[in-house]
């Protein structure tokens, strides 16, 4: 694997993991605070960070598909994993 492919793969896995953690914080901390403790002010910053990480993840996923040549099946699976809590923690099995 050439050096740029290794870098893309490394960043894909790293951002995927961070995005996964941000999703968990949003779902299991910020949202319960909003609905159970009437403190909605945590949702916007956590949601914004998660959104930016999700965009970065999808860009890296596109790079994995087009440059690293991750298969269509694995690319679709990686995207679906990003929609499920704890899903992105299984990305390493795809690459």
PDB file of N, CA and C in Angstrom:
ATOM      1  N   UNK A   1       0.853  -1.170   0.000  1.00  0.00           N
ATOM      2  CA  UNK A   1       0.000   0.000   0.000  1.00  0.00           C
ATOM      3  C   UNK A   1       0.901   1.237   0.000  1.00  0.00           C
ATOM      4  N   UNK A   2       0.598   2.160  -0.867  1.00  0.00           N
ATOM      5  CA  UNK A   2       1.443   3.345  -0.946  1.00  0.00           C
ATOM      6  C   UNK A   2       1.185   4.265   0.243  1.00  0.00           C
ATOM      7  N   UNK A   3       2.113   5.181   0.461  1.00  0.00           N
ATOM      8  CA  UNK A   3       2.097   6.033   1.649  1.00  0.00           C
ATOM      9  C   UNK A   3       0.801   6.849   1.779  1.00  0.00           C
ATOM     10  N   UNK A   4       0.324   7.444   0.683  1.00  0.00           N
ATOM     11  CA  UNK A   4      -0.906   8.259   0.766  1.00  0.00           C
ATOM     12  C   UNK A   4      -2.115   7.401   1.132  1.00  0.00           C
ATOM     13  N   UNK A   5      -2.135   6.163   0.652  1.00  0.00           N
ATOM     14  CA  UNK A   5      -3.236   5.260   1.007  1.00  0.00           C
ATOM     15  C   UNK A   5      -3.206   4.930   2.496  1.00  0.00           C
ATOM     16  N   UNK A   6      -2.003   4.760   3.038  1.00  0.00           N
ATOM     17  CA  UNK A   6      -1.862   4.493   4.469  1.00  0.00           C
ATOM     18  C   UNK A   6      -2.347   5.681   5.290  1.00  0.00           C
ATOM     19  N   UNK A   7      -2.018   6.887   4.827  1.00  0.00           N
ATOM     20  CA  UNK A   7      -2.460   8.094   5.543  1.00  0.00           C
ATOM     21  C   UNK A   7      -3.973   8.229   5.499  1.00  0.00           C
ATOM     22  N   UNK A   8      -4.562   8.013   4.341  1.00  0.00           N
ATOM     23  CA  UNK A   8      -6.023   8.103   4.222  1.00  0.00           C
ATOM     24  C   UNK A   8      -6.683   7.075   5.134  1.00  0.00           C
ATOM     25  N   UNK A   9      -6.175   5.861   5.120  1.00  0.00           N
ATOM     26  CA  UNK A   9      -6.738   4.796   5.957  1.00  0.00           C
ATOM     27  C   UNK A   9      -6.591   5.137   7.436  1.00  0.00           C
ATOM     28  N   UNK A  10      -5.425   5.648   7.820  1.00  0.00           N
ATOM     29  CA  UNK A  10      -5.185   6.027   9.216  1.00  0.00           C
ATOM     30  C   UNK A  10      -6.174   7.106   9.660  1.00  0.00           C
ATOM     31  N   UNK A  11      -6.339   8.141   8.836  1.00  0.00           N
ATOM     32  CA  UNK A  11      -7.261   9.230   9.171  1.00  0.00           C
ATOM     33  C   UNK A  11      -8.710   8.756   9.170  1.00  0.00           C
ATOM     34  N   UNK A  12      -9.054   7.887   8.236  1.00  0.00           N
ATOM     35  CA  UNK A  12     -10.403   7.324   8.173  1.00  0.00           C
ATOM     36  C   UNK A  12     -10.745   6.603   9.472  1.00  0.00           C
ATOM     37  N   UNK A  13      -9.845   5.767   9.945  1.00  0.00           N
ATOM     38  CA  UNK A  13     -10.085   5.013  11.170  1.00  0.00           C
ATOM     39  C   UNK A  13     -10.111   5.929  12.393  1.00  0.00           C
ATOM     40  N   UNK A  14      -9.222   6.908  12.426  1.00  0.00           N
ATOM     41  CA  UNK A  14      -9.167   7.829  13.558  1.00  0.00           C
ATOM     42  C   UNK A  14     -10.418   8.700  13.635  1.00  0.00           C
ATOM     43  N   UNK A  15     -10.772   9.328  12.534  1.00  0.00           N
ATOM     44  CA  UNK A  15     -11.960  10.186  12.515  1.00  0.00           C
ATOM     45  C   UNK A  15     -13.219   9.344  12.749  1.00  0.00           C
ATOM     46  N   UNK A  16     -13.246   8.136  12.211  1.00  0.00           N
ATOM     47  CA  UNK A  16     -14.384   7.246  12.459  1.00  0.00           C
ATOM     48  C   UNK A  16     -14.563   6.964  13.939  1.00  0.00           C
ATOM     49  N   UNK A  17     -13.462   6.716  14.627  1.00  0.00           N
ATOM     50  CA  UNK A  17     -13.535   6.438  16.063  1.00  0.00           C
ATOM     51  C   UNK A  17     -13.984   7.678  16.835  1.00  0.00           C
ATOM     52  N   UNK A  18     -13.406   8.834  16.525  1.00  0.00           N
ATOM     53  CA  UNK A  18     -13.787  10.072  17.209  1.00  0.00           C
ATOM     54  C   UNK A  18     -15.249  10.415  16.917  1.00  0.00           C
ATOM     55  N   UNK A  19     -15.663  10.240  15.671  1.00  0.00           N
ATOM     56  CA  UNK A  19     -17.059  10.483  15.290  1.00  0.00           C
ATOM     57  C   UNK A  19     -17.982   9.557  16.065  1.00  0.00           C
ATOM     58  N   UNK A  20     -17.564   8.322  16.254  1.00  0.00           N
ATOM     59  CA  UNK A  20     -18.352   7.369  17.032  1.00  0.00           C
ATOM     60  C   UNK A  20     -18.515   7.808  18.476  1.00  0.00           C
ATOM     61  N   UNK A  21     -17.432   8.304  19.082  1.00  0.00           N
ATOM     62  CA  UNK A  21     -17.519   8.811  20.449  1.00  0.00           C
ATOM     63  C   UNK A  21     -18.428  10.031  20.519  1.00  0.00           C
ATOM     64  N   UNK A  22     -18.318  10.921  19.531  1.00  0.00           N
ATOM     65  CA  UNK A  22     -19.158  12.126  19.554  1.00  0.00           C
ATOM     66  C   UNK A  22     -20.638  11.755  19.425  1.00  0.00           C
ATOM     67  N   UNK A  23     -20.929  10.725  18.646  1.00  0.00           N
ATOM     68  CA  UNK A  23     -22.310  10.247  18.498  1.00  0.00           C
ATOM     69  C   UNK A  23     -22.836   9.725  19.831  1.00  0.00           C
ATOM     70  N   UNK A  24     -21.992   8.985  20.544  1.00  0.00           N
ATOM     71  CA  UNK A  24     -22.398   8.452  21.843  1.00  0.00           C
ATOM     72  C   UNK A  24     -22.636   9.576  22.852  1.00  0.00           C
ATOM     73  N   UNK A  25     -21.768  10.587  22.837  1.00  0.00           N
ATOM     74  CA  UNK A  25     -21.950  11.730  23.739  1.00  0.00           C
ATOM     75  C   UNK A  25     -23.260  12.442  23.411  1.00  0.00           C
ATOM     76  N   UNK A  26     -23.534  12.617  22.127  1.00  0.00           N
ATOM     77  CA  UNK A  26     -24.771  13.271  21.716  1.00  0.00           C
ATOM     78  C   UNK A  26     -25.991  12.456  22.160  1.00  0.00           C
ATOM     79  N   UNK A  27     -25.979  11.157  21.883  1.00  0.00           N
ATOM     80  CA  UNK A  27     -27.141  10.314  22.181  1.00  0.00           C
ATOM     81  C   UNK A  27     -27.341  10.035  23.657  1.00  0.00           C
ATOM     82  N   UNK A  28     -26.251   9.802  24.381  1.00  0.00           N
ATOM     83  CA  UNK A  28     -26.383   9.312  25.746  1.00  0.00           C
ATOM     84  C   UNK A  28     -26.074  10.337  26.830  1.00  0.00           C
ATOM     85  N   UNK A  29     -25.599  11.525  26.433  1.00  0.00           N
ATOM     86  CA  UNK A  29     -25.362  12.573  27.428  1.00  0.00           C
ATOM     87  C   UNK A  29     -26.162  13.827  27.079  1.00  0.00           C
ATOM     88  N   UNK A  30     -25.901  14.408  25.902  1.00  0.00           N
ATOM     89  CA  UNK A  30     -26.537  15.685  25.546  1.00  0.00           C
ATOM     90  C   UNK A  30     -28.056  15.556  25.407  1.00  0.00           C
ATOM     91  N   UNK A  31     -28.522  14.542  24.701  1.00  0.00           N
ATOM     92  CA  UNK A  31     -29.967  14.395  24.500  1.00  0.00           C
ATOM     93  C   UNK A  31     -30.711  14.072  25.807  1.00  0.00           C
ATOM     94  N   UNK A  32     -30.213  13.164  26.644  1.00  0.00           N
ATOM     95  CA  UNK A  32     -30.894  12.958  27.927  1.00  0.00           C
ATOM     96  C   UNK A  32     -30.901  14.217  28.802  1.00  0.00           C
ATOM     97  N   UNK A  33     -29.805  14.996  28.768  1.00  0.00           N
ATOM     98  CA  UNK A  33     -29.804  16.249  29.524  1.00  0.00           C
ATOM     99  C   UNK A  33     -30.896  17.176  29.028  1.00  0.00           C
ATOM    100  N   UNK A  34     -31.086  17.198  27.722  1.00  0.00           N
ATOM    101  CA  UNK A  34     -32.113  18.055  27.139  1.00  0.00           C
ATOM    102  C   UNK A  34     -33.510  17.612  27.579  1.00  0.00           C
ATOM    103  N   UNK A  35     -33.802  16.340  27.445  1.00  0.00           N
ATOM    104  CA  UNK A  35     -35.169  15.865  27.663  1.00  0.00           C
ATOM    105  C   UNK A  35     -35.508  15.518  29.109  1.00  0.00           C
ATOM    106  N   UNK A  36     -34.527  15.104  29.898  1.00  0.00           N
ATOM    107  CA  UNK A  36     -34.825  14.715  31.276  1.00  0.00           C
ATOM    108  C   UNK A  36     -34.517  15.819  32.289  1.00  0.00           C
ATOM    109  N   UNK A  37     -33.572  16.709  31.947  1.00  0.00           N
ATOM    110  CA  UNK A  37     -33.171  17.756  32.885  1.00  0.00           C
ATOM    111  C   UNK A  37     -33.409  19.164  32.349  1.00  0.00           C
ATOM    112  N   UNK A  38     -34.111  19.246  31.211  1.00  0.00           N
ATOM    113  CA  UNK A  38     -34.473  20.529  30.606  1.00  0.00           C
ATOM    114  C   UNK A  38     -33.264  21.453  30.417  1.00  0.00           C
ATOM    115  N   UNK A  39     -32.161  20.874  29.952  1.00  0.00           N
ATOM    116  CA  UNK A  39     -30.956  21.666  29.661  1.00  0.00           C
ATOM    117  C   UNK A  39     -30.556  21.437  28.200  1.00  0.00           C
ATOM    118  N   UNK A  40     -31.240  22.105  27.280  1.00  0.00           N
ATOM    119  CA  UNK A  40     -30.984  21.889  25.854  1.00  0.00           C
ATOM    120  C   UNK A  40     -29.700  22.532  25.340  1.00  0.00           C
ATOM    121  N   UNK A  41     -29.041  23.354  26.158  1.00  0.00           N
ATOM    122  CA  UNK A  41     -27.871  24.086  25.668  1.00  0.00           C
ATOM    123  C   UNK A  41     -26.675  23.208  25.325  1.00  0.00           C
ATOM    124  N   UNK A  42     -26.692  21.955  25.711  1.00  0.00           N
ATOM    125  CA  UNK A  42     -25.578  21.056  25.385  1.00  0.00           C
ATOM    126  C   UNK A  42     -25.724  20.411  24.010  1.00  0.00           C
ATOM    127  N   UNK A  43     -26.935  20.363  23.505  1.00  0.00           N
ATOM    128  CA  UNK A  43     -27.179  19.659  22.247  1.00  0.00           C
ATOM    129  C   UNK A  43     -26.528  20.380  21.062  1.00  0.00           C
ATOM    130  N   UNK A  44     -26.640  21.704  21.010  1.00  0.00           N
ATOM    131  CA  UNK A  44     -26.108  22.430  19.861  1.00  0.00           C
ATOM    132  C   UNK A  44     -24.580  22.284  19.709  1.00  0.00           C
ATOM    133  N   UNK A  45     -23.780  22.532  20.745  1.00  0.00           N
ATOM    134  CA  UNK A  45     -22.331  22.379  20.541  1.00  0.00           C
ATOM    135  C   UNK A  45     -21.912  20.934  20.277  1.00  0.00           C
ATOM    136  N   UNK A  46     -22.497  19.998  21.013  1.00  0.00           N
ATOM    137  CA  UNK A  46     -22.151  18.593  20.797  1.00  0.00           C
ATOM    138  C   UNK A  46     -22.625  18.143  19.419  1.00  0.00           C
ATOM    139  N   UNK A  47     -23.827  18.560  19.035  1.00  0.00           N
ATOM    140  CA  UNK A  47     -24.356  18.215  17.711  1.00  0.00           C
ATOM    141  C   UNK A  47     -23.538  18.827  16.589  1.00  0.00           C
ATOM    142  N   UNK A  48     -23.061  20.041  16.786  1.00  0.00           N
ATOM    143  CA  UNK A  48     -22.230  20.694  15.764  1.00  0.00           C
ATOM    144  C   UNK A  48     -20.892  19.986  15.594  1.00  0.00           C
ATOM    145  N   UNK A  49     -20.287  19.627  16.711  1.00  0.00           N
ATOM    146  CA  UNK A  49     -19.019  18.889  16.645  1.00  0.00           C
ATOM    147  C   UNK A  49     -19.247  17.542  15.960  1.00  0.00           C
ATOM    148  N   UNK A  50     -20.292  16.852  16.365  1.00  0.00           N
ATOM    149  CA  UNK A  50     -20.598  15.560  15.749  1.00  0.00           C
ATOM    150  C   UNK A  50     -20.865  15.726  14.247  1.00  0.00           C
ATOM    151  N   UNK A  51     -21.599  16.764  13.877  1.00  0.00           N
ATOM    152  CA  UNK A  51     -21.894  17.006  12.461  1.00  0.00           C
ATOM    153  C   UNK A  51     -20.636  17.241  11.644  1.00  0.00           C
ATOM    154  N   UNK A  52     -19.728  18.043  12.175  1.00  0.00           N
ATOM    155  CA  UNK A  52     -18.468  18.305  11.468  1.00  0.00           C
ATOM    156  C   UNK A  52     -17.656  17.015  11.325  1.00  0.00           C
ATOM    157  N   UNK A  53     -17.627  16.220  12.386  1.00  0.00           N
ATOM    158  CA  UNK A  53     -16.904  14.943  12.316  1.00  0.00           C
ATOM    159  C   UNK A  53     -17.566  13.986  11.337  1.00  0.00           C
ATOM    160  N   UNK A  54     -18.890  14.001  11.268  1.00  0.00           N
ATOM    161  CA  UNK A  54     -19.596  13.137  10.321  1.00  0.00           C
ATOM    162  C   UNK A  54     -19.281  13.540   8.882  1.00  0.00           C
ATOM    163  N   UNK A  55     -19.237  14.840   8.620  1.00  0.00           N
ATOM    164  CA  UNK A  55     -18.870  15.320   7.276  1.00  0.00           C
ATOM    165  C   UNK A  55     -17.441  14.884   6.944  1.00  0.00           C
ATOM    166  N   UNK A  56     -16.522  15.061   7.893  1.00  0.00           N
ATOM    167  CA  UNK A  56     -15.137  14.626   7.670  1.00  0.00           C
ATOM    168  C   UNK A  56     -15.089  13.124   7.412  1.00  0.00           C
ATOM    169  N   UNK A  57     -15.867  12.365   8.169  1.00  0.00           N
ATOM    170  CA  UNK A  57     -15.911  10.915   7.986  1.00  0.00           C
ATOM    171  C   UNK A  57     -16.391  10.549   6.582  1.00  0.00           C
ATOM    172  N   UNK A  58     -17.454  11.201   6.112  1.00  0.00           N
ATOM    173  CA  UNK A  58     -17.982  10.859   4.787  1.00  0.00           C
ATOM    174  C   UNK A  58     -17.006  11.255   3.682  1.00  0.00           C
ATOM    175  N   UNK A  59     -16.282  12.356   3.864  1.00  0.00           N
ATOM    176  CA  UNK A  59     -15.252  12.735   2.882  1.00  0.00           C
ATOM    177  C   UNK A  59     -14.151  11.688   2.866  1.00  0.00           C
ATOM    178  N   UNK A  60     -13.720  11.260   4.045  1.00  0.00           N
ATOM    179  CA  UNK A  60     -12.686  10.223   4.113  1.00  0.00           C
ATOM    180  C   UNK A  60     -13.198   8.891   3.563  1.00  0.00           C
ATOM    181  N   UNK A  61     -14.469   8.603   3.774  1.00  0.00           N
ATOM    182  CA  UNK A  61     -15.053   7.387   3.204  1.00  0.00           C
ATOM    183  C   UNK A  61     -15.021   7.451   1.677  1.00  0.00           C
ATOM    184  N   UNK A  62     -15.319   8.612   1.116  1.00  0.00           N
ATOM    185  CA  UNK A  62     -15.238   8.774  -0.342  1.00  0.00           C
ATOM    186  C   UNK A  62     -13.798   8.576  -0.823  1.00  0.00           C
ATOM    187  N   UNK A  63     -12.840   9.113  -0.080  1.00  0.00           N
ATOM    188  CA  UNK A  63     -11.434   8.900  -0.445  1.00  0.00           C
ATOM    189  C   UNK A  63     -11.057   7.425  -0.353  1.00  0.00           C
ATOM    190  N   UNK A  64     -11.582   6.751   0.656  1.00  0.00           N
ATOM    191  CA  UNK A  64     -11.318   5.308   0.783  1.00  0.00           C
ATOM    192  C   UNK A  64     -11.877   4.559  -0.428  1.00  0.00           C
ATOM    193  N   UNK A  65     -13.037   4.969  -0.895  1.00  0.00           N
ATOM    194  CA  UNK A  65     -13.661   4.303  -2.039  1.00  0.00           C
ATOM    195  C   UNK A  65     -12.914   4.615  -3.341  1.00  0.00           C
ATOM    196  N   UNK A  66     -12.646   5.896  -3.594  1.00  0.00           N
ATOM    197  CA  UNK A  66     -12.073   6.291  -4.879  1.00  0.00           C
ATOM    198  C   UNK A  66     -10.558   6.137  -4.963  1.00  0.00           C
ATOM    199  N   UNK A  67      -9.855   6.398  -3.894  1.00  0.00           N
ATOM    200  CA  UNK A  67      -8.388   6.346  -3.955  1.00  0.00           C
ATOM    201  C   UNK A  67      -7.803   5.043  -3.426  1.00  0.00           C
ATOM    202  N   UNK A  68      -8.305   4.604  -2.271  1.00  0.00           N
ATOM    203  CA  UNK A  68      -7.767   3.379  -1.663  1.00  0.00           C
ATOM    204  C   UNK A  68      -8.416   2.144  -2.267  1.00  0.00           C
ATOM    205  N   UNK A  69      -9.538   2.354  -2.968  1.00  0.00           N
ATOM    206  CA  UNK A  69     -10.278   1.279  -3.648  1.00  0.00           C
ATOM    207  C   UNK A  69     -10.958   0.324  -2.679  1.00  0.00           C
ATOM    208  N   UNK A  70     -11.531   0.898  -1.601  1.00  0.00           N
ATOM    209  CA  UNK A  70     -12.390   0.111  -0.733  1.00  0.00           C
ATOM    210  C   UNK A  70     -13.601  -0.295  -1.566  1.00  0.00           C
ATOM    211  N   UNK A  71     -14.019  -1.526  -1.470  1.00  0.00           N
ATOM    212  CA  UNK A  71     -15.119  -2.012  -2.303  1.00  0.00           C
ATOM    213  C   UNK A  71     -16.418  -1.262  -2.005  1.00  0.00           C
ATOM    214  N   UNK A  72     -17.338  -1.298  -2.959  1.00  0.00           N
ATOM    215  CA  UNK A  72     -18.636  -0.653  -2.776  1.00  0.00           C
ATOM    216  C   UNK A  72     -19.369  -1.262  -1.589  1.00  0.00           C
ATOM    217  N   UNK A  73     -19.337  -2.571  -1.478  1.00  0.00           N
ATOM    218  CA  UNK A  73     -20.014  -3.260  -0.373  1.00  0.00           C
ATOM    219  C   UNK A  73     -19.455  -2.802   0.972  1.00  0.00           C
ATOM    220  N   UNK A  74     -18.138  -2.741   1.101  1.00  0.00           N
ATOM    221  CA  UNK A  74     -17.526  -2.311   2.361  1.00  0.00           C
ATOM    222  C   UNK A  74     -17.761  -0.829   2.610  1.00  0.00           C
ATOM    223  N   UNK A  75     -17.792  -0.033   1.558  1.00  0.00           N
ATOM    224  CA  UNK A  75     -18.055   1.401   1.710  1.00  0.00           C
ATOM    225  C   UNK A  75     -19.468   1.644   2.210  1.00  0.00           C
ATOM    226  N   UNK A  76     -20.431   0.936   1.646  1.00  0.00           N
ATOM    227  CA  UNK A  76     -21.824   1.072   2.089  1.00  0.00           C
ATOM    228  C   UNK A  76     -21.943   0.595   3.538  1.00  0.00           C
ATOM    229  N   UNK A  77     -21.292  -0.496   3.852  1.00  0.00           N
ATOM    230  CA  UNK A  77     -21.329  -1.011   5.219  1.00  0.00           C
ATOM    231  C   UNK A  77     -20.705  -0.010   6.196  1.00  0.00           C
ATOM    232  N   UNK A  78     -19.587   0.617   5.807  1.00  0.00           N
ATOM    233  CA  UNK A  78     -18.953   1.622   6.663  1.00  0.00           C
ATOM    234  C   UNK A  78     -19.901   2.790   6.904  1.00  0.00           C
ATOM    235  N   UNK A  79     -20.605   3.221   5.859  1.00  0.00           N
ATOM    236  CA  UNK A  79     -21.566   4.308   6.023  1.00  0.00           C
ATOM    237  C   UNK A  79     -22.691   3.894   6.964  1.00  0.00           C
ATOM    238  N   UNK A  80     -23.210   2.692   6.787  1.00  0.00           N
ATOM    239  CA  UNK A  80     -24.287   2.210   7.659  1.00  0.00           C
ATOM    240  C   UNK A  80     -23.810   2.081   9.108  1.00  0.00           C
ATOM    241  N   UNK A  81     -22.567   1.661   9.295  1.00  0.00           N
ATOM    242  CA  UNK A  81     -22.012   1.565  10.644  1.00  0.00           C
ATOM    243  C   UNK A  81     -21.955   2.935  11.309  1.00  0.00           C
ATOM    244  N   UNK A  82     -21.754   3.980  10.511  1.00  0.00           N
ATOM    245  CA  UNK A  82     -21.674   5.326  11.085  1.00  0.00           C
ATOM    246  C   UNK A  82     -23.030   5.812  11.587  1.00  0.00           C
ATOM    247  N   UNK A  83     -24.100   5.170  11.190  1.00  0.00           N
ATOM    248  CA  UNK A  83     -25.441   5.573  11.610  1.00  0.00           C
ATOM    249  C   UNK A  83     -25.902   4.849  12.874  1.00  0.00           C
ATOM    250  N   UNK A  84     -25.172   3.838  13.280  1.00  0.00           N
ATOM    251  CA  UNK A  84     -25.547   2.998  14.418  1.00  0.00           C
ATOM    252  C   UNK A  84     -24.615   3.311  15.598  1.00  0.00           C
ATOM    253  N   UNK A  85     -25.175   3.513  16.800  1.00  0.00           N
ATOM    254  CA  UNK A  85     -24.289   3.710  17.947  1.00  0.00           C
ATOM    255  C   UNK A  85     -23.305   2.549  18.087  1.00  0.00           C
ATOM    256  N   UNK A  86     -22.066   2.864  18.346  1.00  0.00           N
ATOM    257  CA  UNK A  86     -20.956   1.922  18.487  1.00  0.00           C
ATOM    258  C   UNK A  86     -20.507   1.329  17.147  1.00  0.00           C
ATOM    259  N   UNK A  87     -21.176   1.664  16.047  1.00  0.00           N
ATOM    260  CA  UNK A  87     -20.868   1.062  14.750  1.00  0.00           C
ATOM    261  C   UNK A  87     -19.481   1.370  14.236  1.00  0.00           C
ATOM    262  N   UNK A  88     -19.036   2.608  14.371  1.00  0.00           N
ATOM    263  CA  UNK A  88     -17.737   2.978  13.795  1.00  0.00           C
ATOM    264  C   UNK A  88     -16.568   2.319  14.515  1.00  0.00           C
ATOM    265  N   UNK A  89     -16.825   1.724  15.673  1.00  0.00           N
ATOM    266  CA  UNK A  89     -15.750   1.030  16.376  1.00  0.00           C
ATOM    267  C   UNK A  89     -15.396  -0.292  15.694  1.00  0.00           C
ATOM    268  N   UNK A  90     -16.160  -0.667  14.673  1.00  0.00           N
ATOM    269  CA  UNK A  90     -15.898  -1.903  13.926  1.00  0.00           C
ATOM    270  C   UNK A  90     -15.316  -1.642  12.546  1.00  0.00           C
ATOM    271  N   UNK A  91     -14.932  -0.398  12.257  1.00  0.00           N
ATOM    272  CA  UNK A  91     -14.411  -0.062  10.928  1.00  0.00           C
ATOM    273  C   UNK A  91     -13.121  -0.795  10.592  1.00  0.00           C
ATOM    274  N   UNK A  92     -12.290  -1.035  11.578  1.00  0.00           N
ATOM    275  CA  UNK A  92     -10.999  -1.687  11.321  1.00  0.00           C
ATOM    276  C   UNK A  92     -11.187  -3.043  10.640  1.00  0.00           C
ATOM    277  N   UNK A  93     -12.301  -3.698  10.900  1.00  0.00           N
ATOM    278  CA  UNK A  93     -12.559  -4.997  10.291  1.00  0.00           C
ATOM    279  C   UNK A  93     -12.817  -4.890   8.789  1.00  0.00           C
ATOM    280  N   UNK A  94     -13.135  -3.666   8.315  1.00  0.00           N
ATOM    281  CA  UNK A  94     -13.441  -3.475   6.894  1.00  0.00           C
ATOM    282  C   UNK A  94     -12.211  -3.145   6.058  1.00  0.00           C
ATOM    283  N   UNK A  95     -11.178  -2.612   6.675  1.00  0.00           N
ATOM    284  CA  UNK A  95     -10.019  -2.170   5.885  1.00  0.00           C
ATOM    285  C   UNK A  95      -8.829  -3.084   6.026  1.00  0.00           C
TER     286      UNK A  95
END
